[in-house]
PDB file of N, CA and C in Angstrom:
ATOM      1  N   MET A   1      92.942 158.114 155.428  1.00  0.00           N
ATOM      2  CA  MET A   1      92.063 157.827 154.313  1.00  0.00           C
ATOM      3  C   MET A   1      91.643 156.357 154.402  1.00  0.00           C
ATOM      4  N   THR A   2      90.352 156.112 154.299  1.00  0.00           N
ATOM      5  CA  THR A   2      89.843 154.748 154.373  1.00  0.00           C
ATOM      6  C   THR A   2      90.068 154.014 153.053  1.00  0.00           C
ATOM      7  N   LYS A   3      89.923 152.695 153.108  1.00  0.00           N
ATOM      8  CA  LYS A   3      90.089 151.883 151.895  1.00  0.00           C
ATOM      9  C   LYS A   3      89.067 152.299 150.835  1.00  0.00           C
ATOM     10  N   ARG A   4      87.858 152.582 151.265  1.00  0.00           N
ATOM     11  CA  ARG A   4      86.808 152.998 150.321  1.00  0.00           C
ATOM     12  C   ARG A   4      87.180 154.312 149.637  1.00  0.00           C
ATOM     13  N   GLU A   5      87.713 155.259 150.402  1.00  0.00           N
ATOM     14  CA  GLU A   5      88.117 156.543 149.825  1.00  0.00           C
ATOM     15  C   GLU A   5      89.254 156.362 148.826  1.00  0.00           C
ATOM     16  N   ARG A   6      90.227 155.486 149.151  1.00  0.00           N
ATOM     17  CA  ARG A   6      91.331 155.230 148.222  1.00  0.00           C
ATOM     18  C   ARG A   6      90.813 154.616 146.933  1.00  0.00           C
ATOM     19  N   THR A   7      89.880 153.676 147.053  1.00  0.00           N
ATOM     20  CA  THR A   7      89.313 153.024 145.875  1.00  0.00           C
ATOM     21  C   THR A   7      88.547 154.035 145.030  1.00  0.00           C
ATOM     22  N   GLN A   8      87.799 154.916 145.671  1.00  0.00           N
ATOM     23  CA  GLN A   8      87.047 155.922 144.927  1.00  0.00           C
ATOM     24  C   GLN A   8      87.980 156.865 144.188  1.00  0.00           C
ATOM     25  N   ASN A   9      89.152 157.125 144.741  1.00  0.00           N
ATOM     26  CA  ASN A   9      90.109 158.003 144.086  1.00  0.00           C
ATOM     27  C   ASN A   9      90.801 157.320 142.911  1.00  0.00           C
ATOM     28  N   MET A  10      90.827 155.997 142.886  1.00  0.00           N
ATOM     29  CA  MET A  10      91.550 155.264 141.853  1.00  0.00           C
ATOM     30  C   MET A  10      90.699 154.967 140.621  1.00  0.00           C
ATOM     31  N   PHE A  11      89.387 154.826 140.805  1.00  0.00           N
ATOM     32  CA  PHE A  11      88.528 154.376 139.715  1.00  0.00           C
ATOM     33  C   PHE A  11      87.382 155.341 139.456  1.00  0.00           C
ATOM     34  N   GLU A  12      86.943 155.346 138.222  1.00  0.00           N
ATOM     35  CA  GLU A  12      85.788 156.133 137.809  1.00  0.00           C
ATOM     36  C   GLU A  12      84.667 155.157 137.486  1.00  0.00           C
ATOM     37  N   GLU A  13      83.498 155.394 138.067  1.00  0.00           N
ATOM     38  CA  GLU A  13      82.359 154.525 137.799  1.00  0.00           C
ATOM     39  C   GLU A  13      81.700 154.930 136.488  1.00  0.00           C
ATOM     40  N   LYS A  14      81.357 153.934 135.695  1.00  0.00           N
ATOM     41  CA  LYS A  14      80.687 154.188 134.425  1.00  0.00           C
ATOM     42  C   LYS A  14      79.457 153.280 134.377  1.00  0.00           C
ATOM     43  N   ILE A  15      78.282 153.871 134.218  1.00  0.00           N
ATOM     44  CA  ILE A  15      77.047 153.098 134.146  1.00  0.00           C
ATOM     45  C   ILE A  15      76.840 152.665 132.702  1.00  0.00           C
ATOM     46  N   VAL A  16      76.673 151.346 132.530  1.00  0.00           N
ATOM     47  CA  VAL A  16      76.517 150.771 131.190  1.00  0.00           C
ATOM     48  C   VAL A  16      75.290 149.856 131.178  1.00  0.00           C
ATOM     49  N   PRO A  17      74.714 149.606 130.006  1.00  0.00           N
ATOM     50  CA  PRO A  17      73.590 148.670 129.930  1.00  0.00           C
ATOM     51  C   PRO A  17      74.021 147.278 130.407  1.00  0.00           C
ATOM     52  N   ALA A  18      73.145 146.630 131.151  1.00  0.00           N
ATOM     53  CA  ALA A  18      73.437 145.288 131.659  1.00  0.00           C
ATOM     54  C   ALA A  18      73.355 144.267 130.533  1.00  0.00           C
ATOM     55  N   GLU A  19      73.967 143.112 130.772  1.00  0.00           N
ATOM     56  CA  GLU A  19      73.918 142.036 129.784  1.00  0.00           C
ATOM     57  C   GLU A  19      72.488 141.526 129.640  1.00  0.00           C
ATOM     58  N   SER A  20      72.143 141.157 128.441  1.00  0.00           N
ATOM     59  CA  SER A  20      70.816 140.633 128.153  1.00  0.00           C
ATOM     60  C   SER A  20      70.553 139.387 129.001  1.00  0.00           C
ATOM     61  N   GLY A  21      69.378 139.332 129.618  1.00  0.00           N
ATOM     62  CA  GLY A  21      69.012 138.176 130.422  1.00  0.00           C
ATOM     63  C   GLY A  21      69.496 138.236 131.858  1.00  0.00           C
ATOM     64  N   SER A  22      70.188 139.310 132.247  1.00  0.00           N
ATOM     65  CA  SER A  22      70.722 139.403 133.611  1.00  0.00           C
ATOM     66  C   SER A  22      69.660 139.820 134.623  1.00  0.00           C
ATOM     67  N   GLY A  23      68.532 140.366 134.131  1.00  0.00           N
ATOM     68  CA  GLY A  23      67.496 140.832 135.038  1.00  0.00           C
ATOM     69  C   GLY A  23      67.761 142.233 135.571  1.00  0.00           C
ATOM     70  N   ARG A  24      68.817 142.856 135.097  1.00  0.00           N
ATOM     71  CA  ARG A  24      69.157 144.218 135.516  1.00  0.00           C
ATOM     72  C   ARG A  24      69.104 145.134 134.300  1.00  0.00           C
ATOM     73  N   LEU A  25      68.820 146.401 134.548  1.00  0.00           N
ATOM     74  CA  LEU A  25      68.846 147.370 133.453  1.00  0.00           C
ATOM     75  C   LEU A  25      70.258 147.878 133.204  1.00  0.00           C
ATOM     76  N   PHE A  26      70.999 148.095 134.311  1.00  0.00           N
ATOM     77  CA  PHE A  26      72.329 148.686 134.199  1.00  0.00           C
ATOM     78  C   PHE A  26      73.338 147.946 135.060  1.00  0.00           C
ATOM     79  N   ASP A  27      74.593 148.062 134.705  1.00  0.00           N
ATOM     80  CA  ASP A  27      75.722 147.585 135.500  1.00  0.00           C
ATOM     81  C   ASP A  27      76.679 148.744 135.683  1.00  0.00           C
ATOM     82  N   ILE A  28      77.550 148.609 136.659  1.00  0.00           N
ATOM     83  CA  ILE A  28      78.581 149.623 136.873  1.00  0.00           C
ATOM     84  C   ILE A  28      79.923 149.009 136.514  1.00  0.00           C
ATOM     85  N   HIS A  29      80.640 149.655 135.618  1.00  0.00           N
ATOM     86  CA  HIS A  29      82.001 149.246 135.265  1.00  0.00           C
ATOM     87  C   HIS A  29      82.954 150.262 135.868  1.00  0.00           C
ATOM     88  N   TYR A  30      84.101 149.784 136.297  1.00  0.00           N
ATOM     89  CA  TYR A  30      85.091 150.665 136.901  1.00  0.00           C
ATOM     90  C   TYR A  30      86.273 150.814 135.959  1.00  0.00           C
ATOM     91  N   GLU A  31      86.644 152.048 135.704  1.00  0.00           N
ATOM     92  CA  GLU A  31      87.787 152.338 134.846  1.00  0.00           C
ATOM     93  C   GLU A  31      88.788 153.143 135.655  1.00  0.00           C
ATOM     94  N   PRO A  32      90.072 152.876 135.486  1.00  0.00           N
ATOM     95  CA  PRO A  32      91.073 153.641 136.240  1.00  0.00           C
ATOM     96  C   PRO A  32      91.025 155.118 135.865  1.00  0.00           C
ATOM     97  N   LYS A  33      91.094 155.971 136.890  1.00  0.00           N
ATOM     98  CA  LYS A  33      91.113 157.414 136.630  1.00  0.00           C
ATOM     99  C   LYS A  33      92.437 157.827 136.009  1.00  0.00           C
ATOM    100  N   ASN A  34      93.505 157.207 136.470  1.00  0.00           N
ATOM    101  CA  ASN A  34      94.835 157.555 135.973  1.00  0.00           C
ATOM    102  C   ASN A  34      95.115 156.725 134.731  1.00  0.00           C
ATOM    103  N   LYS A  35      94.994 157.313 133.574  1.00  0.00           N
ATOM    104  CA  LYS A  35      95.214 156.575 132.330  1.00  0.00           C
ATOM    105  C   LYS A  35      96.641 156.717 131.827  1.00  0.00           C
ATOM    106  N   GLY A  36      97.452 157.472 132.539  1.00  0.00           N
ATOM    107  CA  GLY A  36      98.833 157.680 132.135  1.00  0.00           C
ATOM    108  C   GLY A  36      99.766 156.724 132.852  1.00  0.00           C
ATOM    109  N   PRO A  37     101.051 157.036 132.856  1.00  0.00           N
ATOM    110  CA  PRO A  37     102.038 156.183 133.518  1.00  0.00           C
ATOM    111  C   PRO A  37     101.762 156.075 135.019  1.00  0.00           C
ATOM    112  N   ILE A  38     102.016 154.887 135.566  1.00  0.00           N
ATOM    113  CA  ILE A  38     101.854 154.671 137.000  1.00  0.00           C
ATOM    114  C   ILE A  38     103.090 153.980 137.540  1.00  0.00           C
ATOM    115  N   GLU A  39     103.270 154.074 138.849  1.00  0.00           N
ATOM    116  CA  GLU A  39     104.387 153.408 139.506  1.00  0.00           C
ATOM    117  C   GLU A  39     103.825 152.503 140.588  1.00  0.00           C
ATOM    118  N   CYS A  40     104.326 151.270 140.631  1.00  0.00           N
ATOM    119  CA  CYS A  40     103.878 150.291 141.606  1.00  0.00           C
ATOM    120  C   CYS A  40     105.090 149.508 142.084  1.00  0.00           C
ATOM    121  N   LEU A  41     105.327 149.523 143.379  1.00  0.00           N
ATOM    122  CA  LEU A  41     106.466 148.818 143.979  1.00  0.00           C
ATOM    123  C   LEU A  41     107.784 149.229 143.333  1.00  0.00           C
ATOM    124  N   GLY A  42     107.890 150.504 142.998  1.00  0.00           N
ATOM    125  CA  GLY A  42     109.123 151.035 142.429  1.00  0.00           C
ATOM    126  C   GLY A  42     109.322 150.751 140.953  1.00  0.00           C
ATOM    127  N   ILE A  43     108.336 150.135 140.309  1.00  0.00           N
ATOM    128  CA  ILE A  43     108.425 149.831 138.878  1.00  0.00           C
ATOM    129  C   ILE A  43     107.461 150.754 138.143  1.00  0.00           C
ATOM    130  N   ARG A  44     107.937 151.358 137.069  1.00  0.00           N
ATOM    131  CA  ARG A  44     107.114 152.301 136.298  1.00  0.00           C
ATOM    132  C   ARG A  44     106.467 151.578 135.113  1.00  0.00           C
ATOM    133  N   PHE A  45     105.153 151.791 134.944  1.00  0.00           N
ATOM    134  CA  PHE A  45     104.383 151.176 133.865  1.00  0.00           C
ATOM    135  C   PHE A  45     103.682 152.267 133.070  1.00  0.00           C
ATOM    136  N   SER A  46     103.484 152.019 131.784  1.00  0.00           N
ATOM    137  CA  SER A  46     102.831 153.024 130.941  1.00  0.00           C
ATOM    138  C   SER A  46     101.322 153.073 131.173  1.00  0.00           C
ATOM    139  N   SER A  47     100.747 151.991 131.719  1.00  0.00           N
ATOM    140  CA  SER A  47      99.302 151.965 131.986  1.00  0.00           C
ATOM    141  C   SER A  47      99.005 150.936 133.069  1.00  0.00           C
ATOM    142  N   ASP A  48      97.790 150.995 133.589  1.00  0.00           N
ATOM    143  CA  ASP A  48      97.367 150.025 134.591  1.00  0.00           C
ATOM    144  C   ASP A  48      97.300 148.628 133.981  1.00  0.00           C
ATOM    145  N   GLN A  49      96.909 148.542 132.715  1.00  0.00           N
ATOM    146  CA  GLN A  49      96.846 147.246 132.028  1.00  0.00           C
ATOM    147  C   GLN A  49      98.234 146.612 131.935  1.00  0.00           C
ATOM    148  N   GLU A  50      99.245 147.411 131.624  1.00  0.00           N
ATOM    149  CA  GLU A  50     100.616 146.899 131.553  1.00  0.00           C
ATOM    150  C   GLU A  50     101.070 146.397 132.924  1.00  0.00           C
ATOM    151  N   ARG A  51     100.720 147.140 133.988  1.00  0.00           N
ATOM    152  CA  ARG A  51     101.054 146.721 135.351  1.00  0.00           C
ATOM    153  C   ARG A  51     100.395 145.382 135.662  1.00  0.00           C
ATOM    154  N   HIS A  52      99.115 145.257 135.324  1.00  0.00           N
ATOM    155  CA  HIS A  52      98.376 144.025 135.577  1.00  0.00           C
ATOM    156  C   HIS A  52      99.023 142.839 134.852  1.00  0.00           C
ATOM    157  N   GLU A  53      99.334 143.015 133.581  1.00  0.00           N
ATOM    158  CA  GLU A  53      99.946 141.943 132.791  1.00  0.00           C
ATOM    159  C   GLU A  53     101.305 141.544 133.353  1.00  0.00           C
ATOM    160  N   TYR A  54     102.092 142.520 133.801  1.00  0.00           N
ATOM    161  CA  TYR A  54     103.417 142.240 134.361  1.00  0.00           C
ATOM    162  C   TYR A  54     103.297 141.353 135.604  1.00  0.00           C
ATOM    163  N   PHE A  55     102.403 141.719 136.526  1.00  0.00           N
ATOM    164  CA  PHE A  55     102.301 140.961 137.768  1.00  0.00           C
ATOM    165  C   PHE A  55     101.637 139.603 137.565  1.00  0.00           C
ATOM    166  N   ILE A  56     100.728 139.478 136.606  1.00  0.00           N
ATOM    167  CA  ILE A  56     100.166 138.162 136.281  1.00  0.00           C
ATOM    168  C   ILE A  56     101.273 137.259 135.731  1.00  0.00           C
ATOM    169  N   LYS A  57     102.154 137.818 134.904  1.00  0.00           N
ATOM    170  CA  LYS A  57     103.283 137.053 134.366  1.00  0.00           C
ATOM    171  C   LYS A  57     104.201 136.596 135.503  1.00  0.00           C
ATOM    172  N   GLN A  58     104.470 137.488 136.470  1.00  0.00           N
ATOM    173  CA  GLN A  58     105.309 137.128 137.611  1.00  0.00           C
ATOM    174  C   GLN A  58     104.650 136.019 138.434  1.00  0.00           C
ATOM    175  N   LEU A  59     103.348 136.120 138.629  1.00  0.00           N
ATOM    176  CA  LEU A  59     102.613 135.101 139.363  1.00  0.00           C
ATOM    177  C   LEU A  59     102.690 133.762 138.639  1.00  0.00           C
ATOM    178  N   ARG A  60     102.488 133.785 137.335  1.00  0.00           N
ATOM    179  CA  ARG A  60     102.544 132.552 136.540  1.00  0.00           C
ATOM    180  C   ARG A  60     103.909 131.876 136.679  1.00  0.00           C
ATOM    181  N   GLN A  61     104.983 132.668 136.586  1.00  0.00           N
ATOM    182  CA  GLN A  61     106.331 132.115 136.706  1.00  0.00           C
ATOM    183  C   GLN A  61     106.548 131.506 138.090  1.00  0.00           C
ATOM    184  N   GLY A  62     106.070 132.189 139.129  1.00  0.00           N
ATOM    185  CA  GLY A  62     106.207 131.668 140.487  1.00  0.00           C
ATOM    186  C   GLY A  62     105.438 130.373 140.680  1.00  0.00           C
ATOM    187  N   LEU A  63     104.233 130.307 140.129  1.00  0.00           N
ATOM    188  CA  LEU A  63     103.436 129.086 140.247  1.00  0.00           C
ATOM    189  C   LEU A  63     104.075 127.930 139.487  1.00  0.00           C
ATOM    190  N   GLU A  64     104.623 128.222 138.311  1.00  0.00           N
ATOM    191  CA  GLU A  64     105.291 127.169 137.540  1.00  0.00           C
ATOM    192  C   GLU A  64     106.521 126.655 138.284  1.00  0.00           C
ATOM    193  N   GLU A  65     107.268 127.561 138.908  1.00  0.00           N
ATOM    194  CA  GLU A  65     108.449 127.163 139.681  1.00  0.00           C
ATOM    195  C   GLU A  65     108.031 126.308 140.877  1.00  0.00           C
ATOM    196  N   LEU A  66     106.978 126.710 141.568  1.00  0.00           N
ATOM    197  CA  LEU A  66     106.481 125.938 142.707  1.00  0.00           C
ATOM    198  C   LEU A  66     106.027 124.558 142.258  1.00  0.00           C
ATOM    199  N   HIS A  67     105.312 124.492 141.155  1.00  0.00           N
ATOM    200  CA  HIS A  67     104.829 123.212 140.637  1.00  0.00           C
ATOM    201  C   HIS A  67     106.008 122.285 140.312  1.00  0.00           C
ATOM    202  N   ALA A  68     107.064 122.845 139.718  1.00  0.00           N
ATOM    203  CA  ALA A  68     108.249 122.045 139.384  1.00  0.00           C
ATOM    204  C   ALA A  68     108.950 121.554 140.648  1.00  0.00           C
ATOM    205  N   LYS A  69     109.043 122.395 141.672  1.00  0.00           N
ATOM    206  CA  LYS A  69     109.722 122.015 142.913  1.00  0.00           C
ATOM    207  C   LYS A  69     108.944 120.964 143.694  1.00  0.00           C
ATOM    208  N   LEU A  70     107.614 120.977 143.569  1.00  0.00           N
ATOM    209  CA  LEU A  70     106.808 120.001 144.295  1.00  0.00           C
ATOM    210  C   LEU A  70     106.873 118.625 143.648  1.00  0.00           C
ATOM    211  N   GLY A  71     107.410 118.546 142.459  1.00  0.00           N
ATOM    212  CA  GLY A  71     107.619 117.258 141.803  1.00  0.00           C
ATOM    213  C   GLY A  71     106.356 116.483 141.524  1.00  0.00           C
ATOM    214  N   GLY A  72     105.345 117.154 141.040  1.00  0.00           N
ATOM    215  CA  GLY A  72     104.136 116.443 140.640  1.00  0.00           C
ATOM    216  C   GLY A  72     103.105 116.272 141.736  1.00  0.00           C
ATOM    217  N   VAL A  73     103.310 116.885 142.898  1.00  0.00           N
ATOM    218  CA  VAL A  73     102.287 116.817 143.936  1.00  0.00           C
ATOM    219  C   VAL A  73     101.027 117.472 143.377  1.00  0.00           C
ATOM    220  N   PRO A  74      99.891 116.778 143.441  1.00  0.00           N
ATOM    221  CA  PRO A  74      98.691 117.324 142.808  1.00  0.00           C
ATOM    222  C   PRO A  74      98.186 118.593 143.503  1.00  0.00           C
ATOM    223  N   PHE A  75      97.947 119.582 142.718  1.00  0.00           N
ATOM    224  CA  PHE A  75      97.251 120.799 143.137  1.00  0.00           C
ATOM    225  C   PHE A  75      96.708 121.434 141.881  1.00  0.00           C
ATOM    226  N   THR A  76      95.944 122.465 142.018  1.00  0.00           N
ATOM    227  CA  THR A  76      95.352 123.104 140.848  1.00  0.00           C
ATOM    228  C   THR A  76      96.430 123.446 139.823  1.00  0.00           C
ATOM    229  N   THR A  77      96.059 123.481 138.576  1.00  0.00           N
ATOM    230  CA  THR A  77      97.040 123.788 137.538  1.00  0.00           C
ATOM    231  C   THR A  77      97.394 125.267 137.562  1.00  0.00           C
ATOM    232  N   VAL A  78      98.501 125.594 136.963  1.00  0.00           N
ATOM    233  CA  VAL A  78      98.932 126.986 136.865  1.00  0.00           C
ATOM    234  C   VAL A  78      97.873 127.795 136.127  1.00  0.00           C
ATOM    235  N   GLU A  79      97.336 127.234 135.052  1.00  0.00           N
ATOM    236  CA  GLU A  79      96.326 127.943 134.260  1.00  0.00           C
ATOM    237  C   GLU A  79      95.082 128.248 135.093  1.00  0.00           C
ATOM    238  N   GLU A  80      94.628 127.274 135.906  1.00  0.00           N
ATOM    239  CA  GLU A  80      93.449 127.502 136.742  1.00  0.00           C
ATOM    240  C   GLU A  80      93.715 128.592 137.768  1.00  0.00           C
ATOM    241  N   ALA A  81      94.904 128.598 138.354  1.00  0.00           N
ATOM    242  CA  ALA A  81      95.247 129.626 139.342  1.00  0.00           C
ATOM    243  C   ALA A  81      95.267 131.009 138.707  1.00  0.00           C
ATOM    244  N   VAL A  82      95.844 131.128 137.516  1.00  0.00           N
ATOM    245  CA  VAL A  82      95.910 132.427 136.834  1.00  0.00           C
ATOM    246  C   VAL A  82      94.511 132.888 136.437  1.00  0.00           C
ATOM    247  N   GLU A  83      93.653 131.965 136.001  1.00  0.00           N
ATOM    248  CA  GLU A  83      92.290 132.328 135.611  1.00  0.00           C
ATOM    249  C   GLU A  83      91.506 132.897 136.783  1.00  0.00           C
ATOM    250  N   ARG A  84      91.802 132.449 138.000  1.00  0.00           N
ATOM    251  CA  ARG A  84      91.090 132.932 139.187  1.00  0.00           C
ATOM    252  C   ARG A  84      91.506 134.340 139.581  1.00  0.00           C
ATOM    253  N   MET A  85      92.616 134.822 139.055  1.00  0.00           N
ATOM    254  CA  MET A  85      93.114 136.149 139.436  1.00  0.00           C
ATOM    255  C   MET A  85      92.304 137.238 138.799  1.00  0.00           C
TER     256      MET A  85
END
């Protein structure tokens, strides 16, 4: 199974009106097909949103730990890194 086929199996495309001023009539939003419990890396979550929040929290903790260990070496802030995710 190709990456495209896996992605198509995971999400449902929904055509919605585009934002005003975008120059487009419609946009495509992707919603997870599986709205029930999911398992990722052996951890069970009640929804995809819960899974996303869990791993963002883990990422934030790891970045904060790295920032503390570097002792003030300048790099992007933890907040900026999380916002890019």
